[in-house]
Amino acid sequence: MKGCGALLPALLLAATAATGIIGVGMWRNAQPDARPAVTVSTMQAAPTQVHAPTATATPTAPPTPTATATPTPTPPYTPAQPVALLTGIRHEWQTWNNCGPATLAMNLSFYGSALTQADIGAVLRPYPDDKNVSPYELVNFAQRQGLRAVELVNGNDDLLRTLVSNGVPVLLETWHEPEPNEGLGHYRLLVGYDDRLQQWTLYDSYDAAGLISAETYAGIRMEYAQLAAWWKVFNRAFVLIYPAEQESTVAAILADFGVTPERMWTDAEVRARAELAIDANDAFAWFNLGGSLIAQGRSAEAAAAFDQARALGLPWRMLWYQFGPFAAYLAEGRIDDVLTLTDEVIGMTDSIEEIYTWRAQALLAAGDVAGAQEAVQRALTLAPTFPPALELSNQLGGAPSG
C-alpha cells in the first residue's frame, strides 16, 4: 500500500517542508503524441415541466419599473453532475510496498504517460523495503513530467464530485483495514461516483488484486460513508495532477470550495474542532487538529492535541505515515518523547527514512552528534535524495552516503 507492499501512506513533514527530488538521472516525459480517449459520462435528471395556471384576464395597472437584477455569474467549470466517470486510465496491480508509484502511474496515464510503477518506484523507492512514499514526493515527480501538481488537505465530497465532473482524477491518501487492528496507509485514485448509489469509483492497486485483469479493470466501488471514514484518518489529504491548460479551471474550483494552501489548515482546524464538539473521544479528529495546528506553527496546542489523540488510542501503524507529533514535540523541547516514539516505530520497521530523520533531529537537540549522524546516514541509505536528511547531513558536516 502506501509505499504499500502487500500492505501500506504519510501526511506531511510539518517542520521540515521538503522541496524537490534531487539528483535523479532517469526523469523523463514519456507522453505519446496522441492522448488516449478520455470521457466524462454524466446523467442528468429529466427537467420538471412547469405549467402556468389558467386565470381570467383582468385589466391591471401598468407595472412599476424595477431595476434589472444582476445575473449570477456562471463559474468557469461544470457543476458536479449526479453521476460521472473518467475513462482512459491504465490500471496497474502494485508490487510489494509500491502503491504510491503504482497509483501515480495510473494517474499519469490519464494524461498519456507511459511510465510504469517500476519506472516511478526506481526514483521514489530506491530501497526496496521503503514503507512510505509521501504525497509531496508524488507531487514533485508529477511536476518533473511537465504537469501541474499540488498536495492539499481538508477535501470534501462536493469538491471531489466537481473535480471529477471537470475531468480531473483525484489521488487520495486513505486508510485501509483488511482485518481489525491491521490498518495501514493506502493511495487510491478517485475516477467517478454515483449519487444514486452513494458510491465512489476508485482505481485501486491492491484491492481485488489477481481477481480482475488489468486490461478489463474498471475500478472498485466504495460506499461514500466508508471512504469518508478512511479519508479522515489522513485529514482528507489528496493530490491533484493536471495539465497547464486546466490551471484556471482547477484554481476556480479550489477557490470556490475554500480548499487552497492559504486557508486549508485553518479550515481543517475548524472542522476538527466541530467534530470534537460532537464526539470529544474522536482520536482521529484530535490527530487532525494537531496536524492542522502544527502546520500553522502553533506547536504547544498541537502537542496537546496529539497527546489527547494518543491517549485515546491510534492505529499502531499511524506514525509510519504521519509525522506531525514529532514536529510538535521537538518544537516544544520534548526530546525524550520523540526518541521514545521513533524507537517504537523502528522496533516495528526500520525502513522509513522520515523516522530516522526526526530521530536524528532529536538526538542533535539532545547533544548526541554521533547518534544524529548515525541516524541521518540510515535515512540516506533508505532514500539518498531525501531533502530533509540531506540538509541535516550537511548541517552535521557529514558526506551523504548511498
Protein backbone atom coordinates (compact mmCIF):
# COMPACT_ATOMS: atom_id res chain seq x y z
CA MET A 1 0.00 0.00 0.00
CA LYS A 2 1.37 3.49 0.62
CA GLY A 3 4.74 2.52 -0.17
CA CYS A 4 2.34 -0.27 0.34
CA GLY A 5 3.54 -3.75 -0.20
CA ALA A 6 1.09 -6.38 0.28
CA LEU A 7 0.06 -3.61 2.56
CA LEU A 8 0.98 0.20 3.32
CA PRO A 9 0.89 6.29 3.43
CA ALA A 10 2.30 9.84 5.02
CA LEU A 11 0.76 13.24 5.76
CA LEU A 12 3.42 15.91 5.89
CA LEU A 13 6.73 16.83 7.42
CA ALA A 14 5.27 19.78 9.25
CA ALA A 15 8.50 21.30 10.45
CA THR A 16 10.79 20.34 7.57
CA ALA A 17 8.99 21.04 4.33
CA ALA A 18 10.80 19.02 1.69
CA THR A 19 11.46 20.64 -1.66
CA GLY A 20 12.01 18.55 -4.73
CA ILE A 21 13.63 15.26 -5.52
CA ILE A 22 17.33 15.84 -6.10
CA GLY A 23 19.94 14.12 -8.21
CA VAL A 24 17.66 11.86 -10.25
CA GLY A 25 19.09 10.69 -13.52
CA MET A 26 16.08 8.95 -15.05
CA TRP A 27 13.44 11.69 -15.13
CA ARG A 28 11.69 11.74 -18.46
CA ASN A 29 8.49 12.83 -20.03
CA ALA A 30 7.09 9.69 -21.60
CA GLN A 31 3.95 11.15 -23.09
CA PRO A 32 2.98 9.85 -26.53
CA ASP A 33 1.90 12.24 -29.25
CA ALA A 34 -1.76 11.29 -29.02
CA ARG A 35 -3.65 11.25 -25.73
CA PRO A 36 -5.96 8.26 -25.23
CA ALA A 37 -9.65 8.86 -25.38
CA VAL A 38 -10.93 10.31 -22.13
CA THR A 39 -14.60 10.81 -21.44
CA VAL A 40 -16.64 12.14 -18.58
CA SER A 41 -20.03 10.48 -18.70
CA THR A 42 -22.86 12.25 -16.91
CA MET A 43 -26.55 11.58 -16.42
CA GLN A 44 -28.95 14.41 -15.75
CA ALA A 45 -32.42 14.03 -14.26
CA ALA A 46 -35.21 14.90 -16.69
CA PRO A 47 -36.22 18.54 -16.25
CA THR A 48 -39.52 19.09 -14.49
CA GLN A 49 -42.12 20.75 -16.66
CA VAL A 50 -43.86 23.68 -15.02
CA HIS A 51 -47.28 24.69 -16.30
CA ALA A 52 -48.67 28.12 -15.54
CA PRO A 53 -52.18 28.07 -14.00
CA THR A 54 -55.07 29.27 -16.19
CA ALA A 55 -56.64 32.55 -14.98
CA THR A 56 -59.24 35.02 -16.31
CA ALA A 57 -57.61 38.10 -17.73
CA THR A 58 -58.49 41.31 -15.91
CA PRO A 59 -57.33 44.88 -16.53
CA THR A 60 -54.31 45.81 -14.43
CA ALA A 61 -52.29 48.93 -13.89
CA PRO A 62 -49.00 49.20 -15.75
CA PRO A 63 -46.23 47.52 -13.79
CA THR A 64 -43.93 49.69 -11.73
CA PRO A 65 -40.49 49.84 -13.30
CA THR A 66 -37.92 47.83 -11.33
CA ALA A 67 -34.17 47.59 -11.54
CA THR A 68 -32.85 44.70 -13.60
CA ALA A 69 -31.31 42.06 -11.36
CA THR A 70 -27.64 41.38 -11.88
CA PRO A 71 -27.30 37.85 -13.26
CA THR A 72 -25.37 35.37 -11.13
CA PRO A 73 -22.04 34.73 -12.84
CA THR A 74 -21.55 31.23 -14.20
CA PRO A 75 -18.46 29.53 -12.74
CA PRO A 76 -15.74 28.70 -15.28
CA TYR A 77 -16.31 25.00 -14.74
CA THR A 78 -19.03 22.36 -14.91
CA PRO A 79 -21.06 21.94 -11.72
CA ALA A 80 -20.99 18.46 -10.20
CA GLN A 81 -23.24 16.02 -12.03
CA PRO A 82 -25.35 13.26 -10.39
CA VAL A 83 -23.02 10.63 -11.83
CA ALA A 84 -19.66 10.89 -13.57
CA LEU A 85 -16.88 8.54 -14.64
CA LEU A 86 -13.44 9.20 -16.10
CA THR A 87 -12.07 6.70 -18.60
CA GLY A 88 -8.80 6.25 -20.44
CA ILE A 89 -6.75 5.22 -17.39
CA ARG A 90 -4.29 2.33 -17.41
CA HIS A 91 -4.64 0.17 -14.30
CA GLU A 92 -1.66 -1.42 -12.52
CA TRP A 93 -1.55 -4.03 -9.76
CA GLN A 94 1.10 -2.96 -7.30
CA THR A 95 4.24 -4.86 -6.50
CA TRP A 96 5.49 -5.13 -2.89
CA ASN A 97 5.23 -1.84 -0.95
CA ASN A 98 4.58 0.05 -4.18
CA CYS A 99 1.08 1.51 -4.03
CA GLY A 100 2.41 5.09 -4.22
CA PRO A 101 4.29 4.62 -7.51
CA ALA A 102 1.53 2.35 -8.88
CA THR A 103 -1.23 4.86 -8.15
CA LEU A 104 0.83 7.71 -9.53
CA ALA A 105 1.48 5.70 -12.72
CA MET A 106 -2.29 5.25 -13.12
CA ASN A 107 -2.88 8.95 -12.53
CA LEU A 108 -0.22 9.96 -15.07
CA SER A 109 -1.58 7.51 -17.64
CA PHE A 110 -4.74 9.64 -17.80
CA TYR A 111 -2.57 12.33 -19.39
CA GLY A 112 -0.84 9.99 -21.82
CA SER A 113 2.21 8.94 -19.79
CA ALA A 114 3.71 5.51 -20.48
CA LEU A 115 5.64 5.49 -17.17
CA THR A 116 5.04 2.38 -15.08
CA GLN A 117 5.21 1.81 -11.33
CA ALA A 118 8.66 0.28 -11.88
CA ASP A 119 9.89 3.48 -13.54
CA ILE A 120 8.49 5.65 -10.76
CA GLY A 121 9.47 3.29 -7.95
CA ALA A 122 13.08 3.30 -9.10
CA VAL A 123 13.13 7.01 -8.30
CA LEU A 124 10.82 7.29 -5.29
CA ARG A 125 11.69 3.97 -3.64
CA PRO A 126 15.31 3.04 -4.46
CA TYR A 127 15.41 0.98 -1.27
CA PRO A 128 13.03 -1.96 -1.92
CA ASP A 129 11.63 -2.18 1.61
CA ASP A 130 10.88 1.55 1.98
CA LYS A 131 7.48 1.58 3.70
CA ASN A 132 6.40 5.08 2.83
CA VAL A 133 6.13 7.43 -0.13
CA SER A 134 4.82 10.82 0.97
CA PRO A 135 2.37 12.94 -1.06
CA TYR A 136 4.92 15.68 -1.72
CA GLU A 137 7.15 13.08 -3.41
CA LEU A 138 4.32 12.23 -5.79
CA VAL A 139 3.79 15.94 -6.43
CA ASN A 140 7.46 16.54 -7.21
CA PHE A 141 7.60 13.59 -9.59
CA ALA A 142 4.49 14.72 -11.47
CA GLN A 143 5.88 18.22 -11.80
CA ARG A 144 9.05 16.78 -13.32
CA GLN A 145 6.83 15.30 -16.04
CA GLY A 146 5.68 18.78 -17.08
CA LEU A 147 2.34 18.64 -15.26
CA ARG A 148 0.86 20.86 -12.59
CA ALA A 149 0.59 19.12 -9.21
CA VAL A 150 -0.38 20.17 -5.70
CA GLU A 151 -0.84 18.48 -2.31
CA LEU A 152 -3.83 19.63 -0.24
CA VAL A 153 -5.79 18.65 2.87
CA ASN A 154 -9.34 19.11 4.17
CA GLY A 155 -11.05 18.00 0.97
CA ASN A 156 -14.75 17.25 0.87
CA ASP A 157 -17.18 15.17 -1.15
CA ASP A 158 -18.64 18.07 -3.14
CA LEU A 159 -15.16 19.15 -4.18
CA LEU A 160 -14.34 15.61 -5.30
CA ARG A 161 -17.51 15.40 -7.38
CA THR A 162 -16.81 18.74 -9.04
CA LEU A 163 -13.22 17.86 -9.89
CA VAL A 164 -14.21 14.55 -11.45
CA SER A 165 -17.06 16.22 -13.35
CA ASN A 166 -14.43 18.53 -14.86
CA GLY A 167 -12.11 15.75 -15.96
CA VAL A 168 -9.66 15.78 -13.03
CA PRO A 169 -9.00 12.47 -11.24
CA VAL A 170 -8.05 12.81 -7.57
CA LEU A 171 -5.26 10.86 -5.89
CA LEU A 172 -6.40 10.22 -2.32
CA GLU A 173 -4.34 9.34 0.74
CA THR A 174 -6.53 6.99 2.75
CA TRP A 175 -6.57 4.30 5.38
CA HIS A 176 -7.12 0.64 4.61
CA GLU A 177 -8.08 -2.03 7.12
CA PRO A 178 -8.28 -5.53 5.65
CA GLU A 179 -8.54 -7.01 9.16
CA PRO A 180 -9.34 -5.45 12.54
CA ASN A 181 -6.32 -3.69 14.04
CA GLU A 182 -4.34 -4.23 10.84
CA GLY A 183 -4.89 -0.79 9.31
CA LEU A 184 -2.33 0.84 7.08
CA GLY A 185 -2.00 3.73 4.68
CA HIS A 186 -3.02 3.32 1.07
CA TYR A 187 -3.27 5.54 -2.00
CA ARG A 188 -6.30 5.30 -4.27
CA LEU A 189 -7.23 7.15 -7.46
CA LEU A 190 -10.78 8.50 -7.49
CA VAL A 191 -12.23 8.47 -11.01
CA GLY A 192 -16.01 8.50 -10.63
CA TYR A 193 -19.09 8.46 -8.45
CA ASP A 194 -22.84 7.81 -8.48
CA ASP A 195 -25.05 9.83 -6.15
CA ARG A 196 -27.98 7.45 -6.61
CA LEU A 197 -25.94 4.51 -5.34
CA GLN A 198 -23.92 6.63 -2.89
CA GLN A 199 -20.74 5.07 -4.25
CA TRP A 200 -17.35 6.22 -5.47
CA THR A 201 -15.40 4.53 -8.25
CA LEU A 202 -11.70 4.15 -7.47
CA TYR A 203 -8.72 2.68 -9.22
CA ASP A 204 -7.05 0.60 -6.52
CA SER A 205 -3.65 -1.04 -6.97
CA TYR A 206 -4.25 -3.63 -4.26
CA ASP A 207 -7.89 -4.47 -3.57
CA ALA A 208 -9.14 -7.37 -5.71
CA ALA A 209 -5.60 -7.97 -6.95
CA GLY A 210 -5.44 -11.07 -9.12
CA LEU A 211 -9.21 -11.32 -9.49
CA ILE A 212 -9.54 -8.98 -12.45
CA SER A 213 -7.10 -8.49 -15.30
CA ALA A 214 -5.63 -5.01 -15.73
CA GLU A 215 -6.97 -4.96 -19.28
CA THR A 216 -10.61 -5.32 -18.18
CA TYR A 217 -10.31 -3.40 -14.91
CA ALA A 218 -13.00 -0.76 -14.41
CA GLY A 219 -12.33 0.26 -10.81
CA ILE A 220 -13.83 -0.75 -7.49
CA ARG A 221 -16.95 0.71 -5.89
CA MET A 222 -16.82 2.07 -2.35
CA GLU A 223 -19.66 3.46 -0.27
CA TYR A 224 -19.49 7.18 0.43
CA ALA A 225 -19.52 6.51 4.18
CA GLN A 226 -16.61 4.05 4.02
CA LEU A 227 -14.33 6.36 2.07
CA ALA A 228 -15.26 9.22 4.40
CA ALA A 229 -14.05 7.22 7.40
CA TRP A 230 -10.81 6.10 5.75
CA TRP A 231 -10.01 9.51 4.22
CA LYS A 232 -10.50 11.26 7.55
CA VAL A 233 -7.52 9.37 9.03
CA PHE A 234 -5.26 11.50 6.80
CA ASN A 235 -7.06 14.80 7.36
CA ARG A 236 -8.70 14.34 3.93
CA ALA A 237 -5.36 14.71 2.13
CA PHE A 238 -5.22 14.50 -1.65
CA VAL A 239 -3.01 15.23 -4.64
CA LEU A 240 -4.20 16.92 -7.83
CA ILE A 241 -2.30 16.41 -11.07
CA TYR A 242 -3.40 18.18 -14.24
CA PRO A 243 -2.03 19.83 -17.40
CA ALA A 244 -1.32 23.54 -17.66
CA GLU A 245 -4.44 24.16 -19.74
CA GLN A 246 -6.62 23.13 -16.80
CA GLU A 247 -4.94 25.53 -14.38
CA SER A 248 -7.69 28.15 -14.38
CA THR A 249 -10.43 25.54 -14.02
CA VAL A 250 -8.79 23.79 -11.08
CA ALA A 251 -7.92 27.08 -9.40
CA ALA A 252 -11.52 28.29 -9.68
CA ILE A 253 -12.90 25.04 -8.24
CA LEU A 254 -10.47 25.06 -5.31
CA ALA A 255 -11.17 28.72 -4.58
CA ASP A 256 -14.93 28.24 -4.67
CA PHE A 257 -14.73 25.27 -2.30
CA GLY A 258 -12.25 27.02 0.00
CA VAL A 259 -9.57 24.35 -0.31
CA THR A 260 -6.44 26.36 -1.02
CA PRO A 261 -2.96 26.40 0.54
CA GLU A 262 -3.80 29.78 2.09
CA ARG A 263 -6.78 28.58 4.12
CA MET A 264 -6.86 24.79 4.17
CA TRP A 265 -5.12 24.40 7.54
CA THR A 266 -7.27 26.97 9.34
CA ASP A 267 -10.40 25.42 7.85
CA ALA A 268 -9.17 21.93 8.79
CA GLU A 269 -8.75 23.18 12.35
CA VAL A 270 -12.33 24.47 12.39
CA ARG A 271 -13.56 21.16 11.00
CA ALA A 272 -11.67 19.10 13.59
CA ARG A 273 -12.99 21.25 16.43
CA ALA A 274 -16.55 20.85 15.12
CA GLU A 275 -16.11 17.07 15.07
CA LEU A 276 -14.76 17.14 18.62
CA ALA A 277 -17.76 19.17 19.73
CA ILE A 278 -19.85 16.19 18.62
CA ASP A 279 -17.52 13.49 19.97
CA ALA A 280 -14.73 14.52 22.33
CA ASN A 281 -13.33 10.97 22.16
CA ASP A 282 -12.67 11.06 18.41
CA ALA A 283 -8.94 10.21 18.26
CA PHE A 284 -8.64 10.99 14.55
CA ALA A 285 -10.25 14.41 15.00
CA TRP A 286 -7.71 15.15 17.77
CA PHE A 287 -4.88 13.99 15.50
CA ASN A 288 -6.17 16.11 12.61
CA LEU A 289 -6.45 19.07 14.96
CA GLY A 290 -2.82 18.56 15.94
CA GLY A 291 -1.73 18.36 12.32
CA SER A 292 -3.66 21.50 11.42
CA LEU A 293 -2.17 23.42 14.36
CA ILE A 294 1.47 22.43 13.79
CA ALA A 295 1.10 23.47 10.14
CA GLN A 296 0.16 26.91 11.49
CA GLY A 297 3.18 26.98 13.79
CA ARG A 298 1.13 26.54 16.97
CA SER A 299 3.30 23.81 18.46
CA ALA A 300 2.11 23.90 22.09
CA GLU A 301 -1.54 23.49 21.12
CA ALA A 302 -0.58 20.87 18.54
CA ALA A 303 1.39 18.84 21.08
CA ALA A 304 -1.57 18.86 23.46
CA ALA A 305 -3.90 17.68 20.69
CA PHE A 306 -1.52 14.88 19.69
CA ASP A 307 -1.25 13.85 23.35
CA GLN A 308 -5.02 13.52 23.51
CA ALA A 309 -5.15 11.50 20.28
CA ARG A 310 -2.51 9.10 21.55
CA ALA A 311 -4.23 8.76 24.93
CA LEU A 312 -7.48 7.78 23.20
CA GLY A 313 -5.66 5.23 21.03
CA LEU A 314 -4.38 5.34 17.46
CA PRO A 315 -3.68 2.53 14.96
CA TRP A 316 -0.26 1.04 15.59
CA ARG A 317 0.98 1.99 12.10
CA MET A 318 -0.23 5.61 12.34
CA LEU A 319 3.23 7.15 12.73
CA TRP A 320 4.61 5.24 9.78
CA TYR A 321 2.97 7.85 7.56
CA GLN A 322 2.16 10.98 9.57
CA PHE A 323 4.86 12.88 11.41
CA GLY A 324 3.12 15.86 12.97
CA PRO A 325 3.69 14.67 16.57
CA PHE A 326 7.47 14.59 16.04
CA ALA A 327 7.42 18.18 14.77
CA ALA A 328 5.24 19.40 17.65
CA TYR A 329 7.15 17.61 20.40
CA LEU A 330 10.53 18.67 19.04
CA ALA A 331 9.38 22.30 18.81
CA GLU A 332 8.27 22.09 22.44
CA GLY A 333 11.57 20.62 23.60
CA ARG A 334 10.06 17.19 24.31
CA ILE A 335 13.10 15.34 23.02
CA ASP A 336 12.52 12.19 25.06
CA ASP A 337 9.04 11.80 23.57
CA VAL A 338 10.46 11.99 20.04
CA LEU A 339 13.12 9.40 20.87
CA THR A 340 10.59 7.12 22.52
CA LEU A 341 8.16 7.28 19.60
CA THR A 342 10.86 6.80 16.96
CA ASP A 343 12.18 3.84 18.95
CA GLU A 344 8.71 2.32 18.90
CA VAL A 345 8.38 2.70 15.12
CA ILE A 346 11.89 1.41 14.43
CA GLY A 347 11.09 -1.58 16.62
CA MET A 348 8.36 -2.46 14.10
CA THR A 349 10.13 -1.42 10.89
CA ASP A 350 13.49 0.18 10.20
CA SER A 351 12.59 1.19 6.63
CA ILE A 352 11.13 4.69 6.96
CA GLU A 353 13.59 7.49 6.21
CA GLU A 354 11.38 10.15 7.80
CA ILE A 355 11.53 8.39 11.16
CA TYR A 356 15.33 8.32 11.15
CA THR A 357 15.44 11.98 10.13
CA TRP A 358 13.20 13.02 13.02
CA ARG A 359 15.26 10.84 15.35
CA ALA A 360 18.44 12.49 14.13
CA GLN A 361 17.00 15.93 14.86
CA ALA A 362 16.04 14.86 18.38
CA LEU A 363 19.47 13.36 19.04
CA LEU A 364 21.12 16.51 17.77
CA ALA A 365 18.93 18.61 20.06
CA ALA A 366 20.00 16.35 22.93
CA GLY A 367 23.67 16.95 22.10
CA ASP A 368 24.31 13.44 20.73
CA VAL A 369 26.04 14.41 17.50
CA ALA A 370 27.39 10.91 16.80
CA GLY A 371 23.92 9.40 17.27
CA ALA A 372 22.41 12.04 15.00
CA GLN A 373 24.99 11.31 12.30
CA GLU A 374 24.26 7.59 12.51
CA ALA A 375 20.51 8.14 12.25
CA VAL A 376 20.75 10.53 9.32
CA GLN A 377 23.03 8.16 7.44
CA ARG A 378 20.45 5.44 7.88
CA ALA A 379 17.83 7.80 6.43
CA LEU A 380 20.07 8.46 3.42
CA THR A 381 20.67 4.75 2.94
CA LEU A 382 16.91 4.33 2.60
CA ALA A 383 16.43 7.45 0.45
CA PRO A 384 19.67 9.01 -0.83
CA THR A 385 17.92 12.12 -2.18
CA PHE A 386 15.60 12.75 0.79
CA PRO A 387 15.89 16.58 1.18
CA PRO A 388 15.49 16.92 5.00
CA ALA A 389 18.09 14.18 5.56
CA LEU A 390 20.49 15.76 3.08
CA GLU A 391 20.07 19.14 4.76
CA LEU A 392 20.65 17.67 8.19
CA SER A 393 23.67 15.72 6.96
CA ASN A 394 25.18 18.92 5.61
CA GLN A 395 24.45 20.62 8.93
CA LEU A 396 26.29 17.81 10.72
CA GLY A 397 29.20 18.12 8.31
CA GLY A 398 28.91 14.56 7.04
CA ALA A 399 29.12 13.45 3.43
CA PRO A 400 25.87 11.77 2.33
CA SER A 401 26.17 8.03 1.96
CA GLY A 402 24.44 5.82 -0.58
